[in-house]
Amino acid sequence: MLKYSQYIFFLLLYVDKNRELYKLNSTIHSTNTRHSTDLHLPISKLTAFLEGACFRMKVFNHLPHSLKILSNELKQYRPALKQFILTNQFYSLDEYFNWN
């Protein structure tokens, strides 16, 4: 894997392993929206927080919807995530965030 792709992969694995630290939008409000499978981004003005935990959440939220749904089933999620990263091979974080 490329350097940035590997970084993205390990950020997503961290979020997966520490799921209890994060809340889904669906737990914050009961309305079923297209972002209900996203992680809820708390409001903060602290740069350290925005560059740390919040950044990991943004990386997870940018995953395709099908992968976010699979994130609850580890045996299917990790191989699918690895396949997604290997197929797309991101050369920068900007490339990842601009991917559709």
PDB file of N, CA and C in Angstrom:
ATOM      1  N   MET A   1       0.836  -1.183   0.000  1.00  0.00           N
ATOM      2  CA  MET A   1       0.000   0.000   0.000  1.00  0.00           C
ATOM      3  C   MET A   1       0.878   1.243   0.000  1.00  0.00           C
ATOM      4  N   LEU A   2       0.355   2.287  -0.539  1.00  0.00           N
ATOM      5  CA  LEU A   2       1.064   3.546  -0.554  1.00  0.00           C
ATOM      6  C   LEU A   2       1.019   4.198   0.820  1.00  0.00           C
ATOM      7  N   LYS A   3       1.907   5.144   1.026  1.00  0.00           N
ATOM      8  CA  LYS A   3       2.029   5.794   2.323  1.00  0.00           C
ATOM      9  C   LYS A   3       0.703   6.399   2.807  1.00  0.00           C
ATOM     10  N   TYR A   4       0.038   7.209   1.994  1.00  0.00           N
ATOM     11  CA  TYR A   4      -1.210   7.838   2.421  1.00  0.00           C
ATOM     12  C   TYR A   4      -2.351   6.828   2.512  1.00  0.00           C
ATOM     13  N   SER A   5      -2.395   5.892   1.616  1.00  0.00           N
ATOM     14  CA  SER A   5      -3.425   4.859   1.681  1.00  0.00           C
ATOM     15  C   SER A   5      -3.288   4.047   2.955  1.00  0.00           C
ATOM     16  N   GLN A   6      -2.067   3.742   3.312  1.00  0.00           N
ATOM     17  CA  GLN A   6      -1.819   2.981   4.535  1.00  0.00           C
ATOM     18  C   GLN A   6      -2.208   3.807   5.763  1.00  0.00           C
ATOM     19  N   TYR A   7      -1.900   5.086   5.741  1.00  0.00           N
ATOM     20  CA  TYR A   7      -2.268   5.985   6.837  1.00  0.00           C
ATOM     21  C   TYR A   7      -3.789   6.027   7.006  1.00  0.00           C
ATOM     22  N   ILE A   8      -4.506   6.173   5.914  1.00  0.00           N
ATOM     23  CA  ILE A   8      -5.969   6.190   5.941  1.00  0.00           C
ATOM     24  C   ILE A   8      -6.502   4.864   6.475  1.00  0.00           C
ATOM     25  N   PHE A   9      -5.922   3.764   6.011  1.00  0.00           N
ATOM     26  CA  PHE A   9      -6.337   2.430   6.454  1.00  0.00           C
ATOM     27  C   PHE A   9      -6.188   2.290   7.968  1.00  0.00           C
ATOM     28  N   PHE A  10      -5.039   2.718   8.512  1.00  0.00           N
ATOM     29  CA  PHE A  10      -4.819   2.581   9.948  1.00  0.00           C
ATOM     30  C   PHE A  10      -5.665   3.554  10.768  1.00  0.00           C
ATOM     31  N   LEU A  11      -5.963   4.731  10.229  1.00  0.00           N
ATOM     32  CA  LEU A  11      -6.895   5.635  10.917  1.00  0.00           C
ATOM     33  C   LEU A  11      -8.277   4.993  11.037  1.00  0.00           C
ATOM     34  N   LEU A  12      -8.708   4.366   9.959  1.00  0.00           N
ATOM     35  CA  LEU A  12     -10.026   3.723   9.960  1.00  0.00           C
ATOM     36  C   LEU A  12     -10.058   2.506  10.874  1.00  0.00           C
ATOM     37  N   LEU A  13      -8.956   1.775  10.950  1.00  0.00           N
ATOM     38  CA  LEU A  13      -8.893   0.645  11.887  1.00  0.00           C
ATOM     39  C   LEU A  13      -8.925   1.135  13.326  1.00  0.00           C
ATOM     40  N   TYR A  14      -8.286   2.280  13.587  1.00  0.00           N
ATOM     41  CA  TYR A  14      -8.324   2.853  14.938  1.00  0.00           C
ATOM     42  C   TYR A  14      -9.761   3.194  15.328  1.00  0.00           C
ATOM     43  N   VAL A  15     -10.475   3.837  14.432  1.00  0.00           N
ATOM     44  CA  VAL A  15     -11.871   4.180  14.706  1.00  0.00           C
ATOM     45  C   VAL A  15     -12.670   2.906  14.950  1.00  0.00           C
ATOM     46  N   ASP A  16     -12.400   1.890  14.166  1.00  0.00           N
ATOM     47  CA  ASP A  16     -13.114   0.624  14.304  1.00  0.00           C
ATOM     48  C   ASP A  16     -12.841  -0.034  15.653  1.00  0.00           C
ATOM     49  N   LYS A  17     -11.589  -0.046  16.074  1.00  0.00           N
ATOM     50  CA  LYS A  17     -11.222  -0.690  17.339  1.00  0.00           C
ATOM     51  C   LYS A  17     -11.711   0.085  18.553  1.00  0.00           C
ATOM     52  N   ASN A  18     -11.906   1.373  18.407  1.00  0.00           N
ATOM     53  CA  ASN A  18     -12.318   2.231  19.516  1.00  0.00           C
ATOM     54  C   ASN A  18     -13.709   2.798  19.293  1.00  0.00           C
ATOM     55  N   ARG A  19     -14.593   1.986  18.819  1.00  0.00           N
ATOM     56  CA  ARG A  19     -15.954   2.403  18.453  1.00  0.00           C
ATOM     57  C   ARG A  19     -16.705   3.014  19.635  1.00  0.00           C
ATOM     58  N   GLU A  20     -16.392   2.586  20.859  1.00  0.00           N
ATOM     59  CA  GLU A  20     -17.105   3.095  22.028  1.00  0.00           C
ATOM     60  C   GLU A  20     -16.807   4.570  22.296  1.00  0.00           C
ATOM     61  N   LEU A  21     -15.742   5.104  21.692  1.00  0.00           N
ATOM     62  CA  LEU A  21     -15.393   6.519  21.871  1.00  0.00           C
ATOM     63  C   LEU A  21     -16.221   7.452  20.998  1.00  0.00           C
ATOM     64  N   TYR A  22     -16.897   6.898  20.013  1.00  0.00           N
ATOM     65  CA  TYR A  22     -17.594   7.711  19.018  1.00  0.00           C
ATOM     66  C   TYR A  22     -19.096   7.434  19.039  1.00  0.00           C
ATOM     67  N   LYS A  23     -19.864   8.447  18.673  1.00  0.00           N
ATOM     68  CA  LYS A  23     -21.316   8.299  18.567  1.00  0.00           C
ATOM     69  C   LYS A  23     -21.721   8.465  17.112  1.00  0.00           C
ATOM     70  N   LEU A  24     -22.706   7.698  16.698  1.00  0.00           N
ATOM     71  CA  LEU A  24     -23.266   7.861  15.358  1.00  0.00           C
ATOM     72  C   LEU A  24     -24.310   8.974  15.379  1.00  0.00           C
ATOM     73  N   ASN A  25     -24.513   9.588  14.239  1.00  0.00           N
ATOM     74  CA  ASN A  25     -25.560  10.604  14.137  1.00  0.00           C
ATOM     75  C   ASN A  25     -26.927  10.022  14.485  1.00  0.00           C
ATOM     76  N   SER A  26     -27.124   8.739  14.194  1.00  0.00           N
ATOM     77  CA  SER A  26     -28.416   8.103  14.489  1.00  0.00           C
ATOM     78  C   SER A  26     -28.685   8.015  15.989  1.00  0.00           C
ATOM     79  N   THR A  27     -27.653   8.060  16.833  1.00  0.00           N
ATOM     80  CA  THR A  27     -27.861   8.044  18.283  1.00  0.00           C
ATOM     81  C   THR A  27     -28.131   9.451  18.831  1.00  0.00           C
ATOM     82  N   ILE A  28     -27.761  10.470  18.079  1.00  0.00           N
ATOM     83  CA  ILE A  28     -27.977  11.852  18.514  1.00  0.00           C
ATOM     84  C   ILE A  28     -29.415  12.290  18.240  1.00  0.00           C
ATOM     85  N   HIS A  29     -29.917  11.926  17.055  1.00  0.00           N
ATOM     86  CA  HIS A  29     -31.306  12.251  16.711  1.00  0.00           C
ATOM     87  C   HIS A  29     -31.929  11.053  16.009  1.00  0.00           C
ATOM     88  N   SER A  30     -33.223  10.929  16.149  1.00  0.00           N
ATOM     89  CA  SER A  30     -33.908   9.737  15.643  1.00  0.00           C
ATOM     90  C   SER A  30     -34.345   9.839  14.185  1.00  0.00           C
ATOM     91  N   THR A  31     -34.179  10.998  13.565  1.00  0.00           N
ATOM     92  CA  THR A  31     -34.576  11.168  12.172  1.00  0.00           C
ATOM     93  C   THR A  31     -33.634  10.379  11.272  1.00  0.00           C
ATOM     94  N   ASN A  32     -34.189   9.569  10.395  1.00  0.00           N
ATOM     95  CA  ASN A  32     -33.379   8.768   9.487  1.00  0.00           C
ATOM     96  C   ASN A  32     -32.947   9.635   8.298  1.00  0.00           C
ATOM     97  N   THR A  33     -31.683  10.012   8.295  1.00  0.00           N
ATOM     98  CA  THR A  33     -31.151  10.860   7.232  1.00  0.00           C
ATOM     99  C   THR A  33     -30.063  10.108   6.481  1.00  0.00           C
ATOM    100  N   ARG A  34     -29.581  10.696   5.401  1.00  0.00           N
ATOM    101  CA  ARG A  34     -28.522  10.041   4.631  1.00  0.00           C
ATOM    102  C   ARG A  34     -27.195  10.033   5.389  1.00  0.00           C
ATOM    103  N   HIS A  35     -27.067  10.848   6.424  1.00  0.00           N
ATOM    104  CA  HIS A  35     -25.843  10.885   7.221  1.00  0.00           C
ATOM    105  C   HIS A  35     -26.008  10.182   8.567  1.00  0.00           C
ATOM    106  N   SER A  36     -27.020   9.365   8.705  1.00  0.00           N
ATOM    107  CA  SER A  36     -27.252   8.691   9.987  1.00  0.00           C
ATOM    108  C   SER A  36     -26.161   7.678  10.321  1.00  0.00           C
ATOM    109  N   THR A  37     -25.439   7.171   9.320  1.00  0.00           N
ATOM    110  CA  THR A  37     -24.350   6.222   9.577  1.00  0.00           C
ATOM    111  C   THR A  37     -23.008   6.922   9.785  1.00  0.00           C
ATOM    112  N   ASP A  38     -22.992   8.245   9.693  1.00  0.00           N
ATOM    113  CA  ASP A  38     -21.760   9.004   9.939  1.00  0.00           C
ATOM    114  C   ASP A  38     -21.517   9.132  11.433  1.00  0.00           C
ATOM    115  N   LEU A  39     -20.260   9.366  11.794  1.00  0.00           N
ATOM    116  CA  LEU A  39     -19.935   9.650  13.179  1.00  0.00           C
ATOM    117  C   LEU A  39     -20.286  11.100  13.467  1.00  0.00           C
ATOM    118  N   HIS A  40     -20.818  11.345  14.661  1.00  0.00           N
ATOM    119  CA  HIS A  40     -21.228  12.692  15.042  1.00  0.00           C
ATOM    120  C   HIS A  40     -19.983  13.522  15.363  1.00  0.00           C
ATOM    121  N   LEU A  41     -19.826  14.638  14.675  1.00  0.00           N
ATOM    122  CA  LEU A  41     -18.696  15.534  14.907  1.00  0.00           C
ATOM    123  C   LEU A  41     -19.064  16.556  15.972  1.00  0.00           C
ATOM    124  N   PRO A  42     -18.416  16.505  17.132  1.00  0.00           N
ATOM    125  CA  PRO A  42     -18.726  17.478  18.175  1.00  0.00           C
ATOM    126  C   PRO A  42     -18.200  18.857  17.799  1.00  0.00           C
ATOM    127  N   ILE A  43     -18.819  19.874  18.357  1.00  0.00           N
ATOM    128  CA  ILE A  43     -18.382  21.239  18.099  1.00  0.00           C
ATOM    129  C   ILE A  43     -17.244  21.569  19.053  1.00  0.00           C
ATOM    130  N   SER A  44     -16.132  22.034  18.499  1.00  0.00           N
ATOM    131  CA  SER A  44     -14.976  22.374  19.311  1.00  0.00           C
ATOM    132  C   SER A  44     -14.147  23.423  18.593  1.00  0.00           C
ATOM    133  N   LYS A  45     -13.509  24.279  19.360  1.00  0.00           N
ATOM    134  CA  LYS A  45     -12.626  25.284  18.778  1.00  0.00           C
ATOM    135  C   LYS A  45     -11.162  24.959  19.067  1.00  0.00           C
ATOM    136  N   LEU A  46     -10.914  23.857  19.765  1.00  0.00           N
ATOM    137  CA  LEU A  46      -9.543  23.470  20.094  1.00  0.00           C
ATOM    138  C   LEU A  46      -8.883  22.820  18.890  1.00  0.00           C
ATOM    139  N   THR A  47      -7.773  23.380  18.454  1.00  0.00           N
ATOM    140  CA  THR A  47      -7.065  22.882  17.280  1.00  0.00           C
ATOM    141  C   THR A  47      -6.584  21.455  17.485  1.00  0.00           C
ATOM    142  N   ALA A  48      -6.101  21.159  18.680  1.00  0.00           N
ATOM    143  CA  ALA A  48      -5.598  19.811  18.949  1.00  0.00           C
ATOM    144  C   ALA A  48      -6.694  18.771  18.774  1.00  0.00           C
ATOM    145  N   PHE A  49      -7.897  19.082  19.206  1.00  0.00           N
ATOM    146  CA  PHE A  49      -9.012  18.149  19.062  1.00  0.00           C
ATOM    147  C   PHE A  49      -9.412  18.012  17.597  1.00  0.00           C
ATOM    148  N   LEU A  50      -9.488  19.142  16.902  1.00  0.00           N
ATOM    149  CA  LEU A  50      -9.900  19.123  15.500  1.00  0.00           C
ATOM    150  C   LEU A  50      -8.909  18.361  14.625  1.00  0.00           C
ATOM    151  N   GLU A  51      -7.647  18.390  14.973  1.00  0.00           N
ATOM    152  CA  GLU A  51      -6.630  17.684  14.190  1.00  0.00           C
ATOM    153  C   GLU A  51      -6.465  16.241  14.622  1.00  0.00           C
ATOM    154  N   GLY A  52      -6.992  15.864  15.753  1.00  0.00           N
ATOM    155  CA  GLY A  52      -6.840  14.501  16.264  1.00  0.00           C
ATOM    156  C   GLY A  52      -8.079  13.668  16.049  1.00  0.00           C
ATOM    157  N   ALA A  53      -8.880  13.591  17.086  1.00  0.00           N
ATOM    158  CA  ALA A  53     -10.076  12.741  17.059  1.00  0.00           C
ATOM    159  C   ALA A  53     -11.056  13.160  15.977  1.00  0.00           C
ATOM    160  N   CYS A  54     -11.234  14.441  15.805  1.00  0.00           N
ATOM    161  CA  CYS A  54     -12.188  14.934  14.807  1.00  0.00           C
ATOM    162  C   CYS A  54     -11.735  14.560  13.395  1.00  0.00           C
ATOM    163  N   PHE A  55     -10.433  14.596  13.149  1.00  0.00           N
ATOM    164  CA  PHE A  55      -9.919  14.232  11.828  1.00  0.00           C
ATOM    165  C   PHE A  55     -10.208  12.768  11.523  1.00  0.00           C
ATOM    166  N   ARG A  56     -10.042  11.887  12.513  1.00  0.00           N
ATOM    167  CA  ARG A  56     -10.344  10.468  12.312  1.00  0.00           C
ATOM    168  C   ARG A  56     -11.810  10.270  11.951  1.00  0.00           C
ATOM    169  N   MET A  57     -12.672  11.046  12.597  1.00  0.00           N
ATOM    170  CA  MET A  57     -14.098  10.943  12.312  1.00  0.00           C
ATOM    171  C   MET A  57     -14.397  11.409  10.886  1.00  0.00           C
ATOM    172  N   LYS A  58     -13.732  12.452  10.437  1.00  0.00           N
ATOM    173  CA  LYS A  58     -13.945  12.946   9.073  1.00  0.00           C
ATOM    174  C   LYS A  58     -13.500  11.910   8.048  1.00  0.00           C
ATOM    175  N   VAL A  59     -12.400  11.212   8.330  1.00  0.00           N
ATOM    176  CA  VAL A  59     -11.925  10.160   7.421  1.00  0.00           C
ATOM    177  C   VAL A  59     -12.959   9.042   7.355  1.00  0.00           C
ATOM    178  N   PHE A  60     -13.501   8.638   8.497  1.00  0.00           N
ATOM    179  CA  PHE A  60     -14.533   7.592   8.511  1.00  0.00           C
ATOM    180  C   PHE A  60     -15.787   8.059   7.783  1.00  0.00           C
ATOM    181  N   ASN A  61     -16.208   9.291   8.026  1.00  0.00           N
ATOM    182  CA  ASN A  61     -17.433   9.804   7.415  1.00  0.00           C
ATOM    183  C   ASN A  61     -17.329   9.906   5.899  1.00  0.00           C
ATOM    184  N   HIS A  62     -16.124   9.946   5.375  1.00  0.00           N
ATOM    185  CA  HIS A  62     -15.960  10.060   3.929  1.00  0.00           C
ATOM    186  C   HIS A  62     -15.968   8.696   3.224  1.00  0.00           C
ATOM    187  N   LEU A  63     -16.040   7.622   3.988  1.00  0.00           N
ATOM    188  CA  LEU A  63     -16.131   6.287   3.391  1.00  0.00           C
ATOM    189  C   LEU A  63     -17.435   6.142   2.612  1.00  0.00           C
ATOM    190  N   PRO A  64     -17.466   5.275   1.619  1.00  0.00           N
ATOM    191  CA  PRO A  64     -18.731   4.982   0.942  1.00  0.00           C
ATOM    192  C   PRO A  64     -19.747   4.398   1.940  1.00  0.00           C
ATOM    193  N   HIS A  65     -21.005   4.657   1.705  1.00  0.00           N
ATOM    194  CA  HIS A  65     -22.075   4.219   2.601  1.00  0.00           C
ATOM    195  C   HIS A  65     -22.044   2.712   2.836  1.00  0.00           C
ATOM    196  N   SER A  66     -21.750   1.957   1.805  1.00  0.00           N
ATOM    197  CA  SER A  66     -21.727   0.492   1.938  1.00  0.00           C
ATOM    198  C   SER A  66     -20.664   0.031   2.936  1.00  0.00           C
ATOM    199  N   LEU A  67     -19.529   0.708   2.987  1.00  0.00           N
ATOM    200  CA  LEU A  67     -18.491   0.341   3.952  1.00  0.00           C
ATOM    201  C   LEU A  67     -18.864   0.773   5.367  1.00  0.00           C
ATOM    202  N   LYS A  68     -19.513   1.909   5.498  1.00  0.00           N
ATOM    203  CA  LYS A  68     -19.922   2.357   6.832  1.00  0.00           C
ATOM    204  C   LYS A  68     -20.937   1.386   7.432  1.00  0.00           C
ATOM    205  N   ILE A  69     -21.809   0.851   6.618  1.00  0.00           N
ATOM    206  CA  ILE A  69     -22.785  -0.130   7.102  1.00  0.00           C
ATOM    207  C   ILE A  69     -22.070  -1.417   7.526  1.00  0.00           C
ATOM    208  N   LEU A  70     -21.062  -1.827   6.758  1.00  0.00           N
ATOM    209  CA  LEU A  70     -20.305  -3.040   7.089  1.00  0.00           C
ATOM    210  C   LEU A  70     -19.438  -2.886   8.331  1.00  0.00           C
ATOM    211  N   SER A  71     -19.194  -1.663   8.776  1.00  0.00           N
ATOM    212  CA  SER A  71     -18.284  -1.446   9.901  1.00  0.00           C
ATOM    213  C   SER A  71     -18.754  -2.120  11.181  1.00  0.00           C
ATOM    214  N   ASN A  72     -20.015  -2.484  11.269  1.00  0.00           N
ATOM    215  CA  ASN A  72     -20.512  -3.194  12.449  1.00  0.00           C
ATOM    216  C   ASN A  72     -20.185  -4.681  12.418  1.00  0.00           C
ATOM    217  N   GLU A  73     -19.785  -5.191  11.280  1.00  0.00           N
ATOM    218  CA  GLU A  73     -19.454  -6.610  11.135  1.00  0.00           C
ATOM    219  C   GLU A  73     -17.977  -6.740  10.755  1.00  0.00           C
ATOM    220  N   LEU A  74     -17.145  -6.986  11.757  1.00  0.00           N
ATOM    221  CA  LEU A  74     -15.694  -6.942  11.582  1.00  0.00           C
ATOM    222  C   LEU A  74     -15.158  -7.902  10.531  1.00  0.00           C
ATOM    223  N   LYS A  75     -15.692  -9.102  10.479  1.00  0.00           N
ATOM    224  CA  LYS A  75     -15.156 -10.101   9.552  1.00  0.00           C
ATOM    225  C   LYS A  75     -15.369  -9.705   8.099  1.00  0.00           C
ATOM    226  N   GLN A  76     -16.369  -8.915   7.827  1.00  0.00           N
ATOM    227  CA  GLN A  76     -16.618  -8.448   6.464  1.00  0.00           C
ATOM    228  C   GLN A  76     -16.012  -7.068   6.224  1.00  0.00           C
ATOM    229  N   TYR A  77     -15.947  -6.239   7.281  1.00  0.00           N
ATOM    230  CA  TYR A  77     -15.510  -4.851   7.141  1.00  0.00           C
ATOM    231  C   TYR A  77     -14.028  -4.735   6.780  1.00  0.00           C
ATOM    232  N   ARG A  78     -13.178  -5.404   7.526  1.00  0.00           N
ATOM    233  CA  ARG A  78     -11.735  -5.247   7.310  1.00  0.00           C
ATOM    234  C   ARG A  78     -11.283  -5.682   5.919  1.00  0.00           C
ATOM    235  N   PRO A  79     -11.701  -6.840   5.415  1.00  0.00           N
ATOM    236  CA  PRO A  79     -11.307  -7.181   4.036  1.00  0.00           C
ATOM    237  C   PRO A  79     -11.892  -6.219   2.997  1.00  0.00           C
ATOM    238  N   ALA A  80     -13.126  -5.763   3.222  1.00  0.00           N
ATOM    239  CA  ALA A  80     -13.744  -4.819   2.285  1.00  0.00           C
ATOM    240  C   ALA A  80     -13.020  -3.478   2.324  1.00  0.00           C
ATOM    241  N   LEU A  81     -12.628  -3.042   3.524  1.00  0.00           N
ATOM    242  CA  LEU A  81     -11.882  -1.795   3.662  1.00  0.00           C
ATOM    243  C   LEU A  81     -10.521  -1.890   2.978  1.00  0.00           C
ATOM    244  N   LYS A  82      -9.843  -3.000   3.189  1.00  0.00           N
ATOM    245  CA  LYS A  82      -8.542  -3.195   2.559  1.00  0.00           C
ATOM    246  C   LYS A  82      -8.673  -3.217   1.033  1.00  0.00           C
ATOM    247  N   GLN A  83      -9.695  -3.866   0.533  1.00  0.00           N
ATOM    248  CA  GLN A  83      -9.932  -3.906  -0.908  1.00  0.00           C
ATOM    249  C   GLN A  83     -10.220  -2.509  -1.455  1.00  0.00           C
ATOM    250  N   PHE A  84     -11.002  -1.725  -0.728  1.00  0.00           N
ATOM    251  CA  PHE A  84     -11.314  -0.353  -1.135  1.00  0.00           C
ATOM    252  C   PHE A  84     -10.043   0.489  -1.219  1.00  0.00           C
ATOM    253  N   ILE A  85      -9.189   0.371  -0.209  1.00  0.00           N
ATOM    254  CA  ILE A  85      -7.949   1.155  -0.182  1.00  0.00           C
ATOM    255  C   ILE A  85      -7.008   0.703  -1.291  1.00  0.00           C
ATOM    256  N   LEU A  86      -6.870  -0.603  -1.487  1.00  0.00           N
ATOM    257  CA  LEU A  86      -5.973  -1.106  -2.534  1.00  0.00           C
ATOM    258  C   LEU A  86      -6.472  -0.767  -3.931  1.00  0.00           C
ATOM    259  N   THR A  87      -7.760  -0.770  -4.110  1.00  0.00           N
ATOM    260  CA  THR A  87      -8.340  -0.467  -5.423  1.00  0.00           C
ATOM    261  C   THR A  87      -8.137   0.998  -5.792  1.00  0.00           C
ATOM    262  N   ASN A  88      -8.264   1.888  -4.818  1.00  0.00           N
ATOM    263  CA  ASN A  88      -8.213   3.322  -5.112  1.00  0.00           C
ATOM    264  C   ASN A  88      -6.832   3.943  -4.957  1.00  0.00           C
ATOM    265  N   GLN A  89      -5.990   3.415  -4.119  1.00  0.00           N
ATOM    266  CA  GLN A  89      -4.625   3.883  -3.883  1.00  0.00           C
ATOM    267  C   GLN A  89      -4.516   5.403  -3.894  1.00  0.00           C
ATOM    268  N   PHE A  90      -4.785   5.984  -2.748  1.00  0.00           N
ATOM    269  CA  PHE A  90      -4.750   7.432  -2.604  1.00  0.00           C
ATOM    270  C   PHE A  90      -3.314   7.911  -2.417  1.00  0.00           C
ATOM    271  N   TYR A  91      -2.936   8.928  -3.171  1.00  0.00           N
ATOM    272  CA  TYR A  91      -1.590   9.472  -3.122  1.00  0.00           C
ATOM    273  C   TYR A  91      -1.486  10.678  -2.202  1.00  0.00           C
ATOM    274  N   SER A  92      -2.613  11.162  -1.703  1.00  0.00           N
ATOM    275  CA  SER A  92      -2.627  12.258  -0.736  1.00  0.00           C
ATOM    276  C   SER A  92      -3.960  12.229   0.002  1.00  0.00           C
ATOM    277  N   LEU A  93      -4.011  12.964   1.097  1.00  0.00           N
ATOM    278  CA  LEU A  93      -5.268  13.047   1.844  1.00  0.00           C
ATOM    279  C   LEU A  93      -6.299  13.857   1.065  1.00  0.00           C
ATOM    280  N   ASP A  94      -5.839  14.860   0.339  1.00  0.00           N
ATOM    281  CA  ASP A  94      -6.763  15.646  -0.497  1.00  0.00           C
ATOM    282  C   ASP A  94      -7.421  14.759  -1.547  1.00  0.00           C
ATOM    283  N   GLU A  95      -6.641  13.851  -2.115  1.00  0.00           N
ATOM    284  CA  GLU A  95      -7.192  12.930  -3.113  1.00  0.00           C
ATOM    285  C   GLU A  95      -8.268  12.041  -2.484  1.00  0.00           C
ATOM    286  N   TYR A  96      -8.047  11.608  -1.257  1.00  0.00           N
ATOM    287  CA  TYR A  96      -9.048  10.801  -0.559  1.00  0.00           C
ATOM    288  C   TYR A  96     -10.328  11.597  -0.324  1.00  0.00           C
ATOM    289  N   PHE A  97     -10.184  12.830   0.178  1.00  0.00           N
ATOM    290  CA  PHE A  97     -11.359  13.634   0.484  1.00  0.00           C
ATOM    291  C   PHE A  97     -12.079  14.124  -0.765  1.00  0.00           C
ATOM    292  N   ASN A  98     -11.409  14.160  -1.908  1.00  0.00           N
ATOM    293  CA  ASN A  98     -12.055  14.555  -3.159  1.00  0.00           C
ATOM    294  C   ASN A  98     -12.582  13.360  -3.952  1.00  0.00           C
ATOM    295  N   TRP A  99     -12.340  12.163  -3.437  1.00  0.00           N
ATOM    296  CA  TRP A  99     -12.810  10.950  -4.112  1.00  0.00           C
ATOM    297  C   TRP A  99     -14.328  10.849  -3.992  1.00  0.00           C
ATOM    298  N   ASN A 100     -14.976  10.420  -5.065  1.00  0.00           N
ATOM    299  CA  ASN A 100     -16.444  10.237  -5.030  1.00  0.00           C
ATOM    300  C   ASN A 100     -16.777   8.805  -5.338  1.00  0.00           C
TER     301      ASN A 100
END
